[in-house]
C-alpha atoms as a PDB file:
ATOM      1  CA  MET A   1     278.157 263.167 124.915  1.00  0.00           C
ATOM      2  CA  ARG A   2     277.204 259.987 126.192  1.00  0.00           C
ATOM      3  CA  PHE A   3     274.900 258.111 123.875  1.00  0.00           C
ATOM      4  CA  CYS A   4     271.279 257.729 124.975  1.00  0.00           C
ATOM      5  CA  SER A   5     268.624 256.780 122.804  1.00  0.00           C
ATOM      6  CA  ILE A   6     264.834 256.761 123.268  1.00  0.00           C
ATOM      7  CA  PHE A   7     264.846 253.150 124.038  1.00  0.00           C
ATOM      8  CA  SER A   8     267.535 253.653 126.700  1.00  0.00           C
ATOM      9  CA  GLN A   9     265.690 256.438 128.428  1.00  0.00           C
ATOM     10  CA  LEU A  10     262.468 254.258 128.489  1.00  0.00           C
ATOM     11  CA  LEU A  11     264.377 251.773 130.403  1.00  0.00           C
ATOM     12  CA  GLN A  12     265.351 254.152 132.901  1.00  0.00           C
ATOM     13  CA  ILE A  13     261.696 254.005 133.851  1.00  0.00           C
ATOM     14  CA  PHE A  14     262.799 250.296 135.213  1.00  0.00           C
ATOM     15  CA  PRO A  15     265.514 250.695 137.967  1.00  0.00           C
ATOM     16  CA  ARG A  16     267.963 248.097 137.621  1.00  0.00           C
ATOM     17  CA  HIS A  17     267.961 247.378 141.582  1.00  0.00           C
ATOM     18  CA  GLU A  18     264.288 246.789 141.581  1.00  0.00           C
ATOM     19  CA  PHE A  19     264.306 244.550 138.873  1.00  0.00           C
ATOM     20  CA  GLN A  20     266.936 242.367 140.184  1.00  0.00           C
ATOM     21  CA  GLN A  21     265.017 242.178 143.707  1.00  0.00           C
ATOM     22  CA  ALA A  22     262.274 240.904 141.799  1.00  0.00           C
ATOM     23  CA  VAL A  23     264.490 238.400 139.856  1.00  0.00           C
ATOM     24  CA  VAL A  24     265.867 237.177 143.628  1.00  0.00           C
ATOM     25  CA  ALA A  25     262.499 237.222 144.874  1.00  0.00           C
ATOM     26  CA  THR A  26     260.920 234.747 141.875  1.00  0.00           C
ATOM     27  CA  LYS A  27     264.212 232.842 141.109  1.00  0.00           C
ATOM     28  CA  ALA A  28     263.861 233.694 137.929  1.00  0.00           C
ATOM     29  CA  GLU A  29     267.438 233.229 136.717  1.00  0.00           C
ATOM     30  CA  ARG A  30     267.776 229.656 138.462  1.00  0.00           C
ATOM     31  CA  HIS A  31     268.476 228.440 134.882  1.00  0.00           C
ATOM     32  CA  ALA A  32     269.827 231.405 133.141  1.00  0.00           C
ATOM     33  CA  ARG A  33     272.590 229.790 131.447  1.00  0.00           C
ATOM     34  CA  GLY A  34     274.288 232.938 131.282  1.00  0.00           C
ATOM     35  CA  PHE A  35     271.553 234.830 129.657  1.00  0.00           C
ATOM     36  CA  GLU A  36     270.060 237.328 132.186  1.00  0.00           C
ATOM     37  CA  CYS A  37     266.605 238.421 132.977  1.00  0.00           C
ATOM     38  CA  TRP A  38     267.230 241.815 132.293  1.00  0.00           C
ATOM     39  CA  GLU A  39     268.588 241.032 128.765  1.00  0.00           C
ATOM     40  CA  GLN A  40     265.370 238.978 128.160  1.00  0.00           C
ATOM     41  CA  PHE A  41     263.355 241.735 129.469  1.00  0.00           C
ATOM     42  CA  VAL A  42     264.983 244.230 127.107  1.00  0.00           C
ATOM     43  CA  ALA A  43     264.581 241.955 124.074  1.00  0.00           C
ATOM     44  CA  MET A  44     260.947 241.559 124.582  1.00  0.00           C
ATOM     45  CA  LEU A  45     260.373 245.131 125.175  1.00  0.00           C
ATOM     46  CA  PHE A  46     262.574 245.837 122.102  1.00  0.00           C
ATOM     47  CA  CYS A  47     260.170 243.549 120.417  1.00  0.00           C
ATOM     48  CA  GLN A  48     256.938 245.412 121.177  1.00  0.00           C
ATOM     49  CA  LEU A  49     258.147 248.938 120.685  1.00  0.00           C
ATOM     50  CA  ALA A  50     259.568 247.856 117.186  1.00  0.00           C
ATOM     51  CA  GLN A  51     256.670 245.715 116.381  1.00  0.00           C
ATOM     52  CA  ALA A  52     258.576 242.764 115.619  1.00  0.00           C
ATOM     53  CA  GLN A  53     257.040 239.729 114.090  1.00  0.00           C
ATOM     54  CA  SER A  54     259.498 236.939 115.146  1.00  0.00           C
ATOM     55  CA  LEU A  55     262.273 236.403 117.539  1.00  0.00           C
ATOM     56  CA  ARG A  56     264.730 236.451 114.576  1.00  0.00           C
ATOM     57  CA  GLU A  57     263.595 240.014 113.848  1.00  0.00           C
ATOM     58  CA  VAL A  58     264.321 240.989 117.379  1.00  0.00           C
ATOM     59  CA  CYS A  59     267.628 239.346 117.251  1.00  0.00           C
ATOM     60  CA  LEU A  60     268.562 240.837 114.290  1.00  0.00           C
ATOM     61  CA  GLY A  61     267.180 244.315 115.228  1.00  0.00           C
ATOM     62  CA  LEU A  62     269.175 244.413 118.100  1.00  0.00           C
ATOM     63  CA  ALA A  63     272.346 243.057 116.380  1.00  0.00           C
ATOM     64  CA  SER A  64     271.914 246.247 114.180  1.00  0.00           C
ATOM     65  CA  TYR A  65     272.904 248.450 117.204  1.00  0.00           C
ATOM     66  CA  GLN A  66     276.346 246.491 118.051  1.00  0.00           C
ATOM     67  CA  GLY A  67     278.543 249.014 120.099  1.00  0.00           C
ATOM     68  CA  LYS A  68     275.567 250.626 121.478  1.00  0.00           C
ATOM     69  CA  LEU A  69     274.052 247.601 123.171  1.00  0.00           C
ATOM     70  CA  CYS A  70     275.963 248.352 126.660  1.00  0.00           C
ATOM     71  CA  HIS A  71     273.719 251.271 127.150  1.00  0.00           C
ATOM     72  CA  LEU A  72     271.022 248.983 127.360  1.00  0.00           C
ATOM     73  CA  GLY A  73     272.493 246.698 129.889  1.00  0.00           C
ATOM     74  CA  LEU A  74     273.089 244.012 127.121  1.00  0.00           C
ATOM     75  CA  LYS A  75     276.492 242.270 126.467  1.00  0.00           C
ATOM     76  CA  ALA A  76     275.703 241.366 123.100  1.00  0.00           C
ATOM     77  CA  ALA A  77     272.489 240.575 120.873  1.00  0.00           C
ATOM     78  CA  PRO A  78     270.985 237.490 122.031  1.00  0.00           C
ATOM     79  CA  ALA A  79     270.791 234.227 119.774  1.00  0.00           C
ATOM     80  CA  ARG A  80     267.242 233.283 118.728  1.00  0.00           C
ATOM     81  CA  SER A  81     267.405 230.023 120.365  1.00  0.00           C
ATOM     82  CA  THR A  82     268.599 231.520 123.707  1.00  0.00           C
ATOM     83  CA  LEU A  83     265.677 233.904 123.547  1.00  0.00           C
ATOM     84  CA  ALA A  84     263.275 231.296 122.619  1.00  0.00           C
ATOM     85  CA  TYR A  85     264.383 228.706 125.264  1.00  0.00           C
ATOM     86  CA  ALA A  86     264.253 231.631 127.918  1.00  0.00           C
ATOM     87  CA  ASN A  87     260.726 232.723 126.886  1.00  0.00           C
ATOM     88  CA  GLU A  88     259.642 229.350 127.282  1.00  0.00           C
ATOM     89  CA  HIS A  89     261.103 228.244 130.690  1.00  0.00           C
ATOM     90  CA  ARG A  90     261.438 231.450 132.463  1.00  0.00           C
ATOM     91  CA  ALA A  91     258.494 232.053 135.212  1.00  0.00           C
ATOM     92  CA  ALA A  92     255.801 235.138 134.218  1.00  0.00           C
ATOM     93  CA  GLN A  93     255.922 235.945 138.150  1.00  0.00           C
ATOM     94  CA  LEU A  94     258.879 238.003 137.579  1.00  0.00           C
ATOM     95  CA  TYR A  95     257.220 240.176 134.932  1.00  0.00           C
ATOM     96  CA  GLU A  96     254.030 240.554 137.115  1.00  0.00           C
ATOM     97  CA  GLN A  97     256.319 241.939 139.983  1.00  0.00           C
ATOM     98  CA  VAL A  98     257.814 244.249 137.402  1.00  0.00           C
ATOM     99  CA  PHE A  99     254.477 245.510 136.338  1.00  0.00           C
ATOM    100  CA  TYR A 100     253.126 246.203 139.808  1.00  0.00           C
ATOM    101  CA  GLN A 101     256.358 247.974 140.332  1.00  0.00           C
ATOM    102  CA  LEU A 102     255.839 250.085 137.527  1.00  0.00           C
ATOM    103  CA  LEU A 103     252.235 250.817 138.168  1.00  0.00           C
ATOM    104  CA  ALA A 104     253.098 251.849 141.603  1.00  0.00           C
ATOM    105  CA  ARG A 105     255.363 254.633 140.303  1.00  0.00           C
ATOM    106  CA  CYS A 106     252.462 255.639 137.825  1.00  0.00           C
ATOM    107  CA  GLN A 107     249.773 255.709 140.581  1.00  0.00           C
ATOM    108  CA  GLN A 108     252.235 257.918 142.476  1.00  0.00           C
ATOM    109  CA  ALA A 109     253.095 260.299 139.835  1.00  0.00           C
ATOM    110  CA  ALA A 110     249.329 260.425 138.993  1.00  0.00           C
ATOM    111  CA  GLN A 111     248.247 261.418 142.542  1.00  0.00           C
ATOM    112  CA  HIS A 112     250.658 264.380 142.223  1.00  0.00           C
ATOM    113  CA  GLN A 113     249.599 265.345 138.937  1.00  0.00           C
ATOM    114  CA  GLY A 114     245.701 265.048 140.036  1.00  0.00           C
ATOM    115  CA  GLN A 115     246.455 267.678 142.645  1.00  0.00           C
ATOM    116  CA  GLY A 116     246.885 270.295 140.040  1.00  0.00           C
ATOM    117  CA  ALA A 117     243.896 269.400 138.063  1.00  0.00           C
ATOM    118  CA  LYS A 118     241.701 272.343 137.154  1.00  0.00           C
ATOM    119  CA  LEU A 119     238.421 270.164 137.513  1.00  0.00           C
ATOM    120  CA  ARG A 120     238.391 268.106 140.583  1.00  0.00           C
ATOM    121  CA  PHE A 121     235.589 266.338 142.552  1.00  0.00           C
ATOM    122  CA  LYS A 122     235.491 265.668 146.051  1.00  0.00           C
ATOM    123  CA  ASN A 123     234.369 262.052 145.372  1.00  0.00           C
ATOM    124  CA  LYS A 124     236.348 259.609 143.388  1.00  0.00           C
ATOM    125  CA  LEU A 125     235.034 259.643 139.841  1.00  0.00           C
ATOM    126  CA  LEU A 126     235.383 256.407 137.755  1.00  0.00           C
ATOM    127  CA  SER A 127     234.323 255.804 134.303  1.00  0.00           C
ATOM    128  CA  LEU A 128     233.030 252.281 133.422  1.00  0.00           C
ATOM    129  CA  ASP A 129     233.308 250.874 129.996  1.00  0.00           C
ATOM    130  CA  ALA A 130     233.560 247.895 127.640  1.00  0.00           C
ATOM    131  CA  SER A 131     235.443 247.433 124.409  1.00  0.00           C
ATOM    132  CA  THR A 132     234.988 244.803 121.670  1.00  0.00           C
ATOM    133  CA  ILE A 133     238.425 243.889 120.163  1.00  0.00           C
ATOM    134  CA  GLU A 134     237.542 241.843 116.793  1.00  0.00           C
ATOM    135  CA  LEU A 135     240.192 239.098 115.944  1.00  0.00           C
ATOM    136  CA  CYS A 136     240.476 236.732 113.030  1.00  0.00           C
ATOM    137  CA  ALA A 137     238.351 233.672 113.819  1.00  0.00           C
ATOM    138  CA  THR A 138     240.644 231.238 111.540  1.00  0.00           C
ATOM    139  CA  VAL A 139     243.680 232.399 113.784  1.00  0.00           C
ATOM    140  CA  PHE A 140     242.000 232.658 116.955  1.00  0.00           C
ATOM    141  CA  ASP A 141     239.500 230.132 116.913  1.00  0.00           C
ATOM    142  CA  TRP A 142     238.844 230.037 120.656  1.00  0.00           C
ATOM    143  CA  ALA A 143     237.437 233.573 120.394  1.00  0.00           C
ATOM    144  CA  LYS A 144     233.830 232.893 119.461  1.00  0.00           C
ATOM    145  CA  PHE A 145     231.864 235.834 118.840  1.00  0.00           C
ATOM    146  CA  ARG A 146     229.956 235.287 115.254  1.00  0.00           C
ATOM    147  CA  ARG A 147     230.205 232.992 112.717  1.00  0.00           C
ATOM    148  CA  THR A 148     232.534 234.667 110.598  1.00  0.00           C
ATOM    149  CA  LYS A 149     234.324 236.761 113.331  1.00  0.00           C
ATOM    150  CA  GLY A 150     236.165 236.323 116.534  1.00  0.00           C
ATOM    151  CA  ALA A 151     236.617 238.917 119.363  1.00  0.00           C
ATOM    152  CA  VAL A 152     237.551 239.334 123.174  1.00  0.00           C
ATOM    153  CA  LYS A 153     236.021 242.080 125.350  1.00  0.00           C
ATOM    154  CA  LEU A 154     238.020 244.571 127.549  1.00  0.00           C
ATOM    155  CA  HIS A 155     236.377 245.500 130.514  1.00  0.00           C
ATOM    156  CA  LEU A 156     237.865 248.757 132.103  1.00  0.00           C
ATOM    157  CA  VAL A 157     237.420 250.948 134.939  1.00  0.00           C
ATOM    158  CA  LEU A 158     239.285 254.314 134.511  1.00  0.00           C
ATOM    159  CA  GLN A 159     240.174 256.242 137.396  1.00  0.00           C
ATOM    160  CA  HIS A 160     240.128 260.071 136.687  1.00  0.00           C
ATOM    161  CA  GLN A 161     242.689 261.121 138.998  1.00  0.00           C
ATOM    162  CA  GLY A 162     245.813 260.593 136.801  1.00  0.00           C
ATOM    163  CA  TYR A 163     243.650 258.683 134.165  1.00  0.00           C
ATOM    164  CA  LEU A 164     245.294 255.311 135.192  1.00  0.00           C
ATOM    165  CA  PRO A 165     243.167 252.072 135.111  1.00  0.00           C
ATOM    166  CA  THR A 166     242.018 250.626 138.230  1.00  0.00           C
ATOM    167  CA  PHE A 167     240.392 247.380 136.997  1.00  0.00           C
ATOM    168  CA  ALA A 168     240.859 245.512 133.889  1.00  0.00           C
ATOM    169  CA  LEU A 169     239.525 242.300 132.719  1.00  0.00           C
ATOM    170  CA  ILE A 170     239.395 240.448 129.086  1.00  0.00           C
ATOM    171  CA  THR A 171     236.453 237.954 128.363  1.00  0.00           C
ATOM    172  CA  GLU A 172     235.078 236.543 125.372  1.00  0.00           C
ATOM    173  CA  GLY A 173     233.339 238.686 123.044  1.00  0.00           C
ATOM    174  CA  CYS A 174     229.749 237.795 123.794  1.00  0.00           C
ATOM    175  CA  ARG A 175     230.062 238.554 127.429  1.00  0.00           C
ATOM    176  CA  HIS A 176     227.687 241.200 128.282  1.00  0.00           C
ATOM    177  CA  GLU A 177     229.014 244.208 130.199  1.00  0.00           C
ATOM    178  CA  VAL A 178     226.783 244.393 132.919  1.00  0.00           C
ATOM    179  CA  THR A 179     227.679 240.704 134.164  1.00  0.00           C
ATOM    180  CA  VAL A 180     231.021 241.863 134.801  1.00  0.00           C
ATOM    181  CA  ALA A 181     229.950 245.020 136.288  1.00  0.00           C
ATOM    182  CA  ARG A 182     227.827 243.127 138.851  1.00  0.00           C
ATOM    183  CA  THR A 183     230.940 241.629 140.277  1.00  0.00           C
ATOM    184  CA  LEU A 184     232.895 244.895 140.892  1.00  0.00           C
ATOM    185  CA  CYS A 185     233.107 246.582 144.363  1.00  0.00           C
ATOM    186  CA  PHE A 186     233.451 250.422 144.523  1.00  0.00           C
ATOM    187  CA  GLU A 187     234.153 252.669 147.502  1.00  0.00           C
ATOM    188  CA  ALA A 188     231.395 254.420 149.214  1.00  0.00           C
ATOM    189  CA  GLY A 189     231.006 257.748 147.870  1.00  0.00           C
ATOM    190  CA  SER A 190     232.445 256.983 144.607  1.00  0.00           C
ATOM    191  CA  ILE A 191     230.859 258.465 141.273  1.00  0.00           C
ATOM    192  CA  ILE A 192     230.465 255.785 138.351  1.00  0.00           C
ATOM    193  CA  VAL A 193     229.881 257.082 135.043  1.00  0.00           C
ATOM    194  CA  MET A 194     228.723 254.570 132.521  1.00  0.00           C
ATOM    195  CA  ASP A 195     226.581 254.489 129.327  1.00  0.00           C
ATOM    196  CA  ARG A 196     223.194 252.627 129.090  1.00  0.00           C
ATOM    197  CA  GLY A 197     224.373 249.231 128.227  1.00  0.00           C
ATOM    198  CA  TYR A 198     224.734 249.128 132.002  1.00  0.00           C
ATOM    199  CA  THR A 199     221.327 249.397 132.663  1.00  0.00           C
ATOM    200  CA  ASP A 200     220.196 247.056 135.438  1.00  0.00           C
ATOM    201  CA  TYR A 201     217.760 248.333 138.088  1.00  0.00           C
ATOM    202  CA  GLN A 202     218.621 245.817 140.770  1.00  0.00           C
ATOM    203  CA  TRP A 203     222.474 246.503 140.116  1.00  0.00           C
ATOM    204  CA  PHE A 204     221.374 250.034 140.701  1.00  0.00           C
ATOM    205  CA  ALA A 205     219.593 249.536 143.788  1.00  0.00           C
ATOM    206  CA  ALA A 206     222.568 247.694 145.007  1.00  0.00           C
ATOM    207  CA  LEU A 207     224.811 250.782 144.268  1.00  0.00           C
ATOM    208  CA  THR A 208     222.652 252.911 145.879  1.00  0.00           C
ATOM    209  CA  ARG A 209     222.658 250.857 149.335  1.00  0.00           C
ATOM    210  CA  ARG A 210     226.193 250.837 149.289  1.00  0.00           C
ATOM    211  CA  GLN A 211     225.954 254.678 148.744  1.00  0.00           C
ATOM    212  CA  VAL A 212     227.900 254.205 145.707  1.00  0.00           C
ATOM    213  CA  TYR A 213     226.640 257.231 142.991  1.00  0.00           C
ATOM    214  CA  PHE A 214     226.326 256.672 139.242  1.00  0.00           C
ATOM    215  CA  VAL A 215     225.742 258.781 136.180  1.00  0.00           C
ATOM    216  CA  THR A 216     224.288 257.056 133.014  1.00  0.00           C
ATOM    217  CA  ARG A 217     221.734 257.537 130.250  1.00  0.00           C
ATOM    218  CA  LEU A 218     218.435 255.906 130.052  1.00  0.00           C
ATOM    219  CA  LYS A 219     217.487 253.403 127.493  1.00  0.00           C
ATOM    220  CA  ASP A 220     214.998 254.504 124.803  1.00  0.00           C
ATOM    221  CA  PRO A 221     211.714 253.833 126.033  1.00  0.00           C
END
């Protein structure tokens, strides 16, 4: 039976022909030096899934699968210097296109999944929220939050049909969520669900004028 690891199954989510189209469109292999973009992508995806802490750990981890790397589209495990050079010099636009290719497939799958949901709304249902992500202040000194803590804030709009985010923004940790919410544009007829941290009556009035519905909790008197 043909060897097929979980990792190689995950890679099947990214069709090689679509990936190569993005490579050509962004001219990402202009200075490839024999190390293809697909090989870099596989190595860095392995880095994320294996929670590797260094490029050396990535390269040694892949080298331990020698003989099976062909199923991942690799000729051999990359050298640390080769992977470091590719990460430093290759344009990020390639992986931006790969992200949107994957997002389009997820949205299509979510649309079909939502058609069979037991609880369905006639209007588009969205959840709006923000989460503070604490960071080590000594390592991330740019992420000012409190005297001894650093943080960033993730602002997210989640569409309940398929549970895919339609908007995501990372700001400094002290940014209030309602300041970001005021910049968002929602389709008429949408239903926005949010907590009372978004209480802003002028913004509520603006949503009403745009025929956007919202559900929230009032602040304590």
